[in-house]
Protein backbone atom coordinates (compact mmCIF):
# COMPACT_ATOMS: atom_id res chain seq x y z
CA UNK A 1 0.00 0.00 0.00
CA UNK A 2 2.78 2.41 0.97
CA UNK A 3 4.57 1.86 -2.33
CA UNK A 4 1.50 2.74 -4.41
CA UNK A 5 1.07 5.99 -2.48
CA UNK A 6 4.65 6.99 -3.27
CA UNK A 7 4.04 6.32 -6.97
CA UNK A 8 0.89 8.45 -6.94
CA UNK A 9 2.70 11.30 -5.21
CA UNK A 10 5.59 11.09 -7.68
CA UNK A 11 3.21 11.10 -10.66
CA UNK A 12 1.43 14.12 -9.21
CA UNK A 13 4.77 15.90 -8.79
CA UNK A 14 5.71 15.14 -12.40
CA UNK A 15 2.29 16.36 -13.60
CA UNK A 16 2.66 19.67 -11.74
CA UNK A 17 6.18 20.17 -13.10
CA UNK A 18 5.00 19.35 -16.63
CA UNK A 19 2.17 21.91 -16.40
CA UNK A 20 4.61 24.46 -14.98
CA UNK A 21 6.94 23.86 -17.93
CA UNK A 22 4.10 24.20 -20.45
CA UNK A 23 3.29 27.63 -19.00
CA UNK A 24 6.77 29.02 -19.70
CA UNK A 25 7.36 31.72 -22.29
CA UNK A 26 9.69 29.68 -24.49
CA UNK A 27 10.04 26.02 -25.35
CA UNK A 28 13.75 26.06 -24.47
CA UNK A 29 13.09 27.42 -20.97
CA UNK A 30 10.33 24.85 -20.44
CA UNK A 31 12.61 22.04 -21.60
CA UNK A 32 15.47 23.13 -19.32
CA UNK A 33 13.13 23.41 -16.34
CA UNK A 34 11.64 20.00 -17.11
CA UNK A 35 15.08 18.41 -17.19
CA UNK A 36 16.22 20.15 -14.01
CA UNK A 37 13.00 19.74 -12.01
CA UNK A 38 11.72 16.38 -13.28
CA UNK A 39 14.30 14.27 -15.10
CA UNK A 40 17.32 14.80 -12.84
CA UNK A 41 15.43 14.18 -9.56
CA UNK A 42 13.82 11.08 -11.09
CA UNK A 43 17.22 9.72 -12.11
CA UNK A 44 18.65 10.50 -8.67
CA UNK A 45 15.83 8.69 -6.86
CA UNK A 46 16.05 5.71 -9.25
CA UNK A 47 19.82 5.50 -8.70
CA UNK A 48 19.43 5.67 -4.91
CA UNK A 49 16.79 2.93 -4.93
CA UNK A 50 18.96 0.77 -7.20
CA UNK A 51 21.97 1.13 -4.88
CA UNK A 52 19.81 0.32 -1.86
CA UNK A 53 18.43 -2.80 -3.59
CA UNK A 54 21.91 -3.89 -4.73
CA UNK A 55 23.28 -3.57 -1.19
CA UNK A 56 20.31 -5.46 0.27
CA UNK A 57 20.78 -8.29 -2.25
CA UNK A 58 24.53 -8.44 -1.59
CA UNK A 59 23.92 -8.68 2.14
CA UNK A 60 21.30 -11.40 1.56
CA UNK A 61 23.73 -13.32 -0.69
CA UNK A 62 26.46 -13.11 1.96
CA UNK A 63 24.06 -14.31 4.63
CA UNK A 64 22.91 -17.24 2.50
CA UNK A 65 26.49 -18.18 1.60
CA UNK A 66 27.43 -18.18 5.28
CA UNK A 67 24.42 -20.34 6.17
CA UNK A 68 25.22 -22.75 3.34
CA UNK A 69 28.87 -23.02 4.36
CA UNK A 70 27.80 -23.75 7.96
CA UNK A 71 25.52 -26.55 6.74
CA UNK A 72 28.23 -28.07 4.54
CA UNK A 73 30.85 -27.85 7.29
CA UNK A 74 28.71 -29.81 9.78
PDB file of N, CA and C in Angstrom:
ATOM      1  N   UNK A   1       0.826  -1.194   0.000  1.00  0.00           N
ATOM      2  CA  UNK A   1       0.000   0.000   0.000  1.00  0.00           C
ATOM      3  C   UNK A   1       0.872   1.260   0.000  1.00  0.00           C
ATOM      4  N   UNK A   2       1.904   1.245   0.836  1.00  0.00           N
ATOM      5  CA  UNK A   2       2.777   2.411   0.967  1.00  0.00           C
ATOM      6  C   UNK A   2       3.479   2.717  -0.354  1.00  0.00           C
ATOM      7  N   UNK A   3       3.850   1.673  -1.071  1.00  0.00           N
ATOM      8  CA  UNK A   3       4.567   1.858  -2.331  1.00  0.00           C
ATOM      9  C   UNK A   3       3.695   2.520  -3.393  1.00  0.00           C
ATOM     10  N   UNK A   4       2.409   2.148  -3.433  1.00  0.00           N
ATOM     11  CA  UNK A   4       1.500   2.739  -4.408  1.00  0.00           C
ATOM     12  C   UNK A   4       1.288   4.221  -4.128  1.00  0.00           C
ATOM     13  N   UNK A   5       1.250   4.591  -2.848  1.00  0.00           N
ATOM     14  CA  UNK A   5       1.072   5.993  -2.481  1.00  0.00           C
ATOM     15  C   UNK A   5       2.262   6.815  -2.963  1.00  0.00           C
ATOM     16  N   UNK A   6       3.456   6.280  -2.819  1.00  0.00           N
ATOM     17  CA  UNK A   6       4.647   6.989  -3.272  1.00  0.00           C
ATOM     18  C   UNK A   6       4.599   7.191  -4.780  1.00  0.00           C
ATOM     19  N   UNK A   7       4.149   6.179  -5.515  1.00  0.00           N
ATOM     20  CA  UNK A   7       4.037   6.315  -6.967  1.00  0.00           C
ATOM     21  C   UNK A   7       3.025   7.395  -7.338  1.00  0.00           C
ATOM     22  N   UNK A   8       1.907   7.440  -6.649  1.00  0.00           N
ATOM     23  CA  UNK A   8       0.887   8.446  -6.938  1.00  0.00           C
ATOM     24  C   UNK A   8       1.416   9.850  -6.651  1.00  0.00           C
ATOM     25  N   UNK A   9       2.125   9.995  -5.545  1.00  0.00           N
ATOM     26  CA  UNK A   9       2.699  11.300  -5.208  1.00  0.00           C
ATOM     27  C   UNK A   9       3.729  11.713  -6.252  1.00  0.00           C
ATOM     28  N   UNK A  10       4.567  10.773  -6.682  1.00  0.00           N
ATOM     29  CA  UNK A  10       5.588  11.094  -7.680  1.00  0.00           C
ATOM     30  C   UNK A  10       4.951  11.463  -9.013  1.00  0.00           C
ATOM     31  N   UNK A  11       3.904  10.749  -9.408  1.00  0.00           N
ATOM     32  CA  UNK A  11       3.210  11.095 -10.658  1.00  0.00           C
ATOM     33  C   UNK A  11       2.562  12.473 -10.557  1.00  0.00           C
ATOM     34  N   UNK A  12       1.995  12.793  -9.411  1.00  0.00           N
ATOM     35  CA  UNK A  12       1.432  14.120  -9.210  1.00  0.00           C
ATOM     36  C   UNK A  12       2.499  15.202  -9.305  1.00  0.00           C
ATOM     37  N   UNK A  13       3.653  14.952  -8.713  1.00  0.00           N
ATOM     38  CA  UNK A  13       4.767  15.898  -8.791  1.00  0.00           C
ATOM     39  C   UNK A  13       5.169  16.109 -10.249  1.00  0.00           C
ATOM     40  N   UNK A  14       5.321  15.022 -10.996  1.00  0.00           N
ATOM     41  CA  UNK A  14       5.707  15.143 -12.402  1.00  0.00           C
ATOM     42  C   UNK A  14       4.645  15.887 -13.209  1.00  0.00           C
ATOM     43  N   UNK A  15       3.371  15.665 -12.902  1.00  0.00           N
ATOM     44  CA  UNK A  15       2.292  16.363 -13.601  1.00  0.00           C
ATOM     45  C   UNK A  15       2.366  17.867 -13.334  1.00  0.00           C
ATOM     46  N   UNK A  16       2.572  18.245 -12.078  1.00  0.00           N
ATOM     47  CA  UNK A  16       2.658  19.668 -11.741  1.00  0.00           C
ATOM     48  C   UNK A  16       3.858  20.308 -12.435  1.00  0.00           C
ATOM     49  N   UNK A  17       4.984  19.631 -12.436  1.00  0.00           N
ATOM     50  CA  UNK A  17       6.182  20.166 -13.101  1.00  0.00           C
ATOM     51  C   UNK A  17       5.938  20.288 -14.596  1.00  0.00           C
ATOM     52  N   UNK A  18       5.283  19.298 -15.196  1.00  0.00           N
ATOM     53  CA  UNK A  18       4.996  19.345 -16.628  1.00  0.00           C
ATOM     54  C   UNK A  18       4.099  20.542 -16.959  1.00  0.00           C
ATOM     55  N   UNK A  19       3.059  20.763 -16.165  1.00  0.00           N
ATOM     56  CA  UNK A  19       2.173  21.907 -16.400  1.00  0.00           C
ATOM     57  C   UNK A  19       2.922  23.228 -16.203  1.00  0.00           C
ATOM     58  N   UNK A  20       3.793  23.272 -15.211  1.00  0.00           N
ATOM     59  CA  UNK A  20       4.611  24.460 -14.984  1.00  0.00           C
ATOM     60  C   UNK A  20       5.500  24.736 -16.195  1.00  0.00           C
ATOM     61  N   UNK A  21       6.062  23.692 -16.766  1.00  0.00           N
ATOM     62  CA  UNK A  21       6.937  23.859 -17.932  1.00  0.00           C
ATOM     63  C   UNK A  21       6.148  24.281 -19.168  1.00  0.00           C
ATOM     64  N   UNK A  22       4.930  23.788 -19.315  1.00  0.00           N
ATOM     65  CA  UNK A  22       4.096  24.199 -20.454  1.00  0.00           C
ATOM     66  C   UNK A  22       3.725  25.679 -20.361  1.00  0.00           C
ATOM     67  N   UNK A  23       3.691  26.240 -19.183  1.00  0.00           N
ATOM     68  CA  UNK A  23       3.293  27.631 -18.998  1.00  0.00           C
ATOM     69  C   UNK A  23       4.441  28.613 -19.210  1.00  0.00           C
ATOM     70  N   UNK A  24       5.625  28.132 -19.510  1.00  0.00           N
ATOM     71  CA  UNK A  24       6.773  29.017 -19.700  1.00  0.00           C
ATOM     72  C   UNK A  24       6.665  29.764 -21.024  1.00  0.00           C
ATOM     73  N   UNK A  25       7.406  30.861 -21.103  1.00  0.00           N
ATOM     74  CA  UNK A  25       7.363  31.722 -22.290  1.00  0.00           C
ATOM     75  C   UNK A  25       7.977  31.060 -23.522  1.00  0.00           C
ATOM     76  N   UNK A  26       9.038  30.301 -23.337  1.00  0.00           N
ATOM     77  CA  UNK A  26       9.694  29.684 -24.493  1.00  0.00           C
ATOM     78  C   UNK A  26       9.805  28.170 -24.282  1.00  0.00           C
ATOM     79  N   UNK A  27       9.910  27.480 -25.400  1.00  0.00           N
ATOM     80  CA  UNK A  27      10.036  26.023 -25.349  1.00  0.00           C
ATOM     81  C   UNK A  27      11.368  25.628 -24.715  1.00  0.00           C
ATOM     82  N   UNK A  28      12.424  26.371 -25.016  1.00  0.00           N
ATOM     83  CA  UNK A  28      13.746  26.058 -24.471  1.00  0.00           C
ATOM     84  C   UNK A  28      13.742  26.176 -22.946  1.00  0.00           C
ATOM     85  N   UNK A  29      13.138  27.240 -22.428  1.00  0.00           N
ATOM     86  CA  UNK A  29      13.086  27.416 -20.973  1.00  0.00           C
ATOM     87  C   UNK A  29      12.267  26.303 -20.326  1.00  0.00           C
ATOM     88  N   UNK A  30      11.154  25.944 -20.956  1.00  0.00           N
ATOM     89  CA  UNK A  30      10.331  24.847 -20.437  1.00  0.00           C
ATOM     90  C   UNK A  30      11.082  23.528 -20.442  1.00  0.00           C
ATOM     91  N   UNK A  31      11.851  23.288 -21.500  1.00  0.00           N
ATOM     92  CA  UNK A  31      12.614  22.044 -21.598  1.00  0.00           C
ATOM     93  C   UNK A  31      13.708  21.987 -20.541  1.00  0.00           C
ATOM     94  N   UNK A  32      14.404  23.091 -20.337  1.00  0.00           N
ATOM     95  CA  UNK A  32      15.465  23.130 -19.322  1.00  0.00           C
ATOM     96  C   UNK A  32      14.872  22.912 -17.933  1.00  0.00           C
ATOM     97  N   UNK A  33      13.775  23.582 -17.640  1.00  0.00           N
ATOM     98  CA  UNK A  33      13.129  23.408 -16.338  1.00  0.00           C
ATOM     99  C   UNK A  33      12.639  21.972 -16.152  1.00  0.00           C
ATOM    100  N   UNK A  34      12.115  21.377 -17.213  1.00  0.00           N
ATOM    101  CA  UNK A  34      11.639  19.997 -17.114  1.00  0.00           C
ATOM    102  C   UNK A  34      12.797  19.050 -16.790  1.00  0.00           C
ATOM    103  N   UNK A  35      13.914  19.264 -17.460  1.00  0.00           N
ATOM    104  CA  UNK A  35      15.077  18.408 -17.193  1.00  0.00           C
ATOM    105  C   UNK A  35      15.575  18.609 -15.764  1.00  0.00           C
ATOM    106  N   UNK A  36      15.670  19.863 -15.336  1.00  0.00           N
ATOM    107  CA  UNK A  36      16.215  20.152 -14.012  1.00  0.00           C
ATOM    108  C   UNK A  36      15.256  19.736 -12.899  1.00  0.00           C
ATOM    109  N   UNK A  37      13.965  19.988 -13.078  1.00  0.00           N
ATOM    110  CA  UNK A  37      13.002  19.741 -12.007  1.00  0.00           C
ATOM    111  C   UNK A  37      12.341  18.367 -12.047  1.00  0.00           C
ATOM    112  N   UNK A  38      12.407  17.670 -13.182  1.00  0.00           N
ATOM    113  CA  UNK A  38      11.723  16.376 -13.285  1.00  0.00           C
ATOM    114  C   UNK A  38      12.675  15.223 -13.614  1.00  0.00           C
ATOM    115  N   UNK A  39      13.470  15.388 -14.644  1.00  0.00           N
ATOM    116  CA  UNK A  39      14.299  14.272 -15.105  1.00  0.00           C
ATOM    117  C   UNK A  39      15.445  13.992 -14.128  1.00  0.00           C
ATOM    118  N   UNK A  40      16.178  15.017 -13.742  1.00  0.00           N
ATOM    119  CA  UNK A  40      17.317  14.799 -12.837  1.00  0.00           C
ATOM    120  C   UNK A  40      16.898  14.248 -11.472  1.00  0.00           C
ATOM    121  N   UNK A  41      15.850  14.794 -10.830  1.00  0.00           N
ATOM    122  CA  UNK A  41      15.429  14.176  -9.559  1.00  0.00           C
ATOM    123  C   UNK A  41      14.943  12.735  -9.727  1.00  0.00           C
ATOM    124  N   UNK A  42      14.281  12.445 -10.843  1.00  0.00           N
ATOM    125  CA  UNK A  42      13.824  11.083 -11.091  1.00  0.00           C
ATOM    126  C   UNK A  42      15.012  10.129 -11.223  1.00  0.00           C
ATOM    127  N   UNK A  43      16.025  10.557 -11.955  1.00  0.00           N
ATOM    128  CA  UNK A  43      17.216   9.722 -12.105  1.00  0.00           C
ATOM    129  C   UNK A  43      17.938   9.545 -10.775  1.00  0.00           C
ATOM    130  N   UNK A  44      18.002  10.589  -9.974  1.00  0.00           N
ATOM    131  CA  UNK A  44      18.647  10.504  -8.666  1.00  0.00           C
ATOM    132  C   UNK A  44      17.921   9.513  -7.753  1.00  0.00           C
ATOM    133  N   UNK A  45      16.610   9.606  -7.704  1.00  0.00           N
ATOM    134  CA  UNK A  45      15.832   8.688  -6.861  1.00  0.00           C
ATOM    135  C   UNK A  45      15.969   7.254  -7.367  1.00  0.00           C
ATOM    136  N   UNK A  46      15.908   7.057  -8.690  1.00  0.00           N
ATOM    137  CA  UNK A  46      16.054   5.714  -9.254  1.00  0.00           C
ATOM    138  C   UNK A  46      17.429   5.141  -8.926  1.00  0.00           C
ATOM    139  N   UNK A  47      18.468   5.967  -9.020  1.00  0.00           N
ATOM    140  CA  UNK A  47      19.825   5.504  -8.699  1.00  0.00           C
ATOM    141  C   UNK A  47      19.938   5.124  -7.222  1.00  0.00           C
ATOM    142  N   UNK A  48      19.369   5.964  -6.339  1.00  0.00           N
ATOM    143  CA  UNK A  48      19.432   5.672  -4.906  1.00  0.00           C
ATOM    144  C   UNK A  48      18.694   4.374  -4.575  1.00  0.00           C
ATOM    145  N   UNK A  49      17.539   4.160  -5.184  1.00  0.00           N
ATOM    146  CA  UNK A  49      16.795   2.930  -4.932  1.00  0.00           C
ATOM    147  C   UNK A  49      17.533   1.709  -5.477  1.00  0.00           C
ATOM    148  N   UNK A  50      18.200   1.885  -6.615  1.00  0.00           N
ATOM    149  CA  UNK A  50      18.956   0.775  -7.201  1.00  0.00           C
ATOM    150  C   UNK A  50      20.141   0.391  -6.307  1.00  0.00           C
ATOM    151  N   UNK A  51      20.850   1.393  -5.778  1.00  0.00           N
ATOM    152  CA  UNK A  51      21.975   1.125  -4.881  1.00  0.00           C
ATOM    153  C   UNK A  51      21.486   0.442  -3.606  1.00  0.00           C
ATOM    154  N   UNK A  52      20.374   0.922  -3.067  1.00  0.00           N
ATOM    155  CA  UNK A  52      19.807   0.316  -1.860  1.00  0.00           C
ATOM    156  C   UNK A  52      19.437  -1.143  -2.107  1.00  0.00           C
ATOM    157  N   UNK A  53      18.820  -1.421  -3.249  1.00  0.00           N
ATOM    158  CA  UNK A  53      18.430  -2.803  -3.590  1.00  0.00           C
ATOM    159  C   UNK A  53      19.670  -3.675  -3.792  1.00  0.00           C
ATOM    160  N   UNK A  54      20.680  -3.128  -4.486  1.00  0.00           N
ATOM    161  CA  UNK A  54      21.907  -3.890  -4.729  1.00  0.00           C
ATOM    162  C   UNK A  54      22.592  -4.246  -3.410  1.00  0.00           C
ATOM    163  N   UNK A  55      22.658  -3.298  -2.485  1.00  0.00           N
ATOM    164  CA  UNK A  55      23.282  -3.567  -1.188  1.00  0.00           C
ATOM    165  C   UNK A  55      22.484  -4.589  -0.387  1.00  0.00           C
ATOM    166  N   UNK A  56      21.159  -4.503  -0.437  1.00  0.00           N
ATOM    167  CA  UNK A  56      20.315  -5.461   0.274  1.00  0.00           C
ATOM    168  C   UNK A  56      20.501  -6.868  -0.305  1.00  0.00           C
ATOM    169  N   UNK A  57      20.570  -6.986  -1.628  1.00  0.00           N
ATOM    170  CA  UNK A  57      20.777  -8.295  -2.250  1.00  0.00           C
ATOM    171  C   UNK A  57      22.169  -8.842  -1.939  1.00  0.00           C
ATOM    172  N   UNK A  58      23.179  -7.981  -1.915  1.00  0.00           N
ATOM    173  CA  UNK A  58      24.532  -8.438  -1.588  1.00  0.00           C
ATOM    174  C   UNK A  58      24.591  -8.939  -0.158  1.00  0.00           C
ATOM    175  N   UNK A  59      23.928  -8.237   0.747  1.00  0.00           N
ATOM    176  CA  UNK A  59      23.916  -8.683   2.139  1.00  0.00           C
ATOM    177  C   UNK A  59      23.155 -10.002   2.275  1.00  0.00           C
ATOM    178  N   UNK A  60      22.075 -10.148   1.532  1.00  0.00           N
ATOM    179  CA  UNK A  60      21.305 -11.397   1.557  1.00  0.00           C
ATOM    180  C   UNK A  60      22.143 -12.543   0.995  1.00  0.00           C
ATOM    181  N   UNK A  61      22.862 -12.290  -0.104  1.00  0.00           N
ATOM    182  CA  UNK A  61      23.733 -13.321  -0.686  1.00  0.00           C
ATOM    183  C   UNK A  61      24.817 -13.746   0.304  1.00  0.00           C
ATOM    184  N   UNK A  62      25.417 -12.782   0.982  1.00  0.00           N
ATOM    185  CA  UNK A  62      26.461 -13.109   1.955  1.00  0.00           C
ATOM    186  C   UNK A  62      25.887 -13.930   3.109  1.00  0.00           C
ATOM    187  N   UNK A  63      24.710 -13.562   3.541  1.00  0.00           N
ATOM    188  CA  UNK A  63      24.060 -14.306   4.631  1.00  0.00           C
ATOM    189  C   UNK A  63      23.753 -15.737   4.200  1.00  0.00           C
ATOM    190  N   UNK A  64      23.241 -15.908   2.996  1.00  0.00           N
ATOM    191  CA  UNK A  64      22.912 -17.244   2.498  1.00  0.00           C
ATOM    192  C   UNK A  64      24.184 -18.073   2.294  1.00  0.00           C
ATOM    193  N   UNK A  65      25.234 -17.459   1.803  1.00  0.00           N
ATOM    194  CA  UNK A  65      26.494 -18.176   1.603  1.00  0.00           C
ATOM    195  C   UNK A  65      27.057 -18.641   2.939  1.00  0.00           C
ATOM    196  N   UNK A  66      26.946 -17.807   3.965  1.00  0.00           N
ATOM    197  CA  UNK A  66      27.432 -18.182   5.285  1.00  0.00           C
ATOM    198  C   UNK A  66      26.604 -19.335   5.846  1.00  0.00           C
ATOM    199  N   UNK A  67      25.282 -19.256   5.688  1.00  0.00           N
ATOM    200  CA  UNK A  67      24.419 -20.340   6.174  1.00  0.00           C
ATOM    201  C   UNK A  67      24.715 -21.636   5.435  1.00  0.00           C
ATOM    202  N   UNK A  68      24.922 -21.548   4.125  1.00  0.00           N
ATOM    203  CA  UNK A  68      25.215 -22.752   3.339  1.00  0.00           C
ATOM    204  C   UNK A  68      26.579 -23.339   3.713  1.00  0.00           C
ATOM    205  N   UNK A  69      27.557 -22.485   3.977  1.00  0.00           N
ATOM    206  CA  UNK A  69      28.872 -23.020   4.362  1.00  0.00           C
ATOM    207  C   UNK A  69      28.807 -23.663   5.748  1.00  0.00           C
ATOM    208  N   UNK A  70      27.975 -23.137   6.642  1.00  0.00           N
ATOM    209  CA  UNK A  70      27.799 -23.752   7.958  1.00  0.00           C
ATOM    210  C   UNK A  70      27.151 -25.125   7.833  1.00  0.00           C
ATOM    211  N   UNK A  71      26.200 -25.263   6.921  1.00  0.00           N
ATOM    212  CA  UNK A  71      25.519 -26.550   6.741  1.00  0.00           C
ATOM    213  C   UNK A  71      26.469 -27.567   6.147  1.00  0.00           C
ATOM    214  N   UNK A  72      27.286 -27.160   5.175  1.00  0.00           N
ATOM    215  CA  UNK A  72      28.225 -28.073   4.536  1.00  0.00           C
ATOM    216  C   UNK A  72      29.317 -28.488   5.519  1.00  0.00           C
ATOM    217  N   UNK A  73      29.756 -27.567   6.366  1.00  0.00           N
ATOM    218  CA  UNK A  73      30.845 -27.854   7.289  1.00  0.00           C
ATOM    219  C   UNK A  73      30.423 -28.850   8.379  1.00  0.00           C
ATOM    220  N   UNK A  74      29.152 -28.902   8.722  1.00  0.00           N
ATOM    221  CA  UNK A  74      28.705 -29.811   9.778  1.00  0.00           C
ATOM    222  C   UNK A  74      28.524 -31.151   9.233  1.00  0.00           C
TER     223      UNK A  74
END
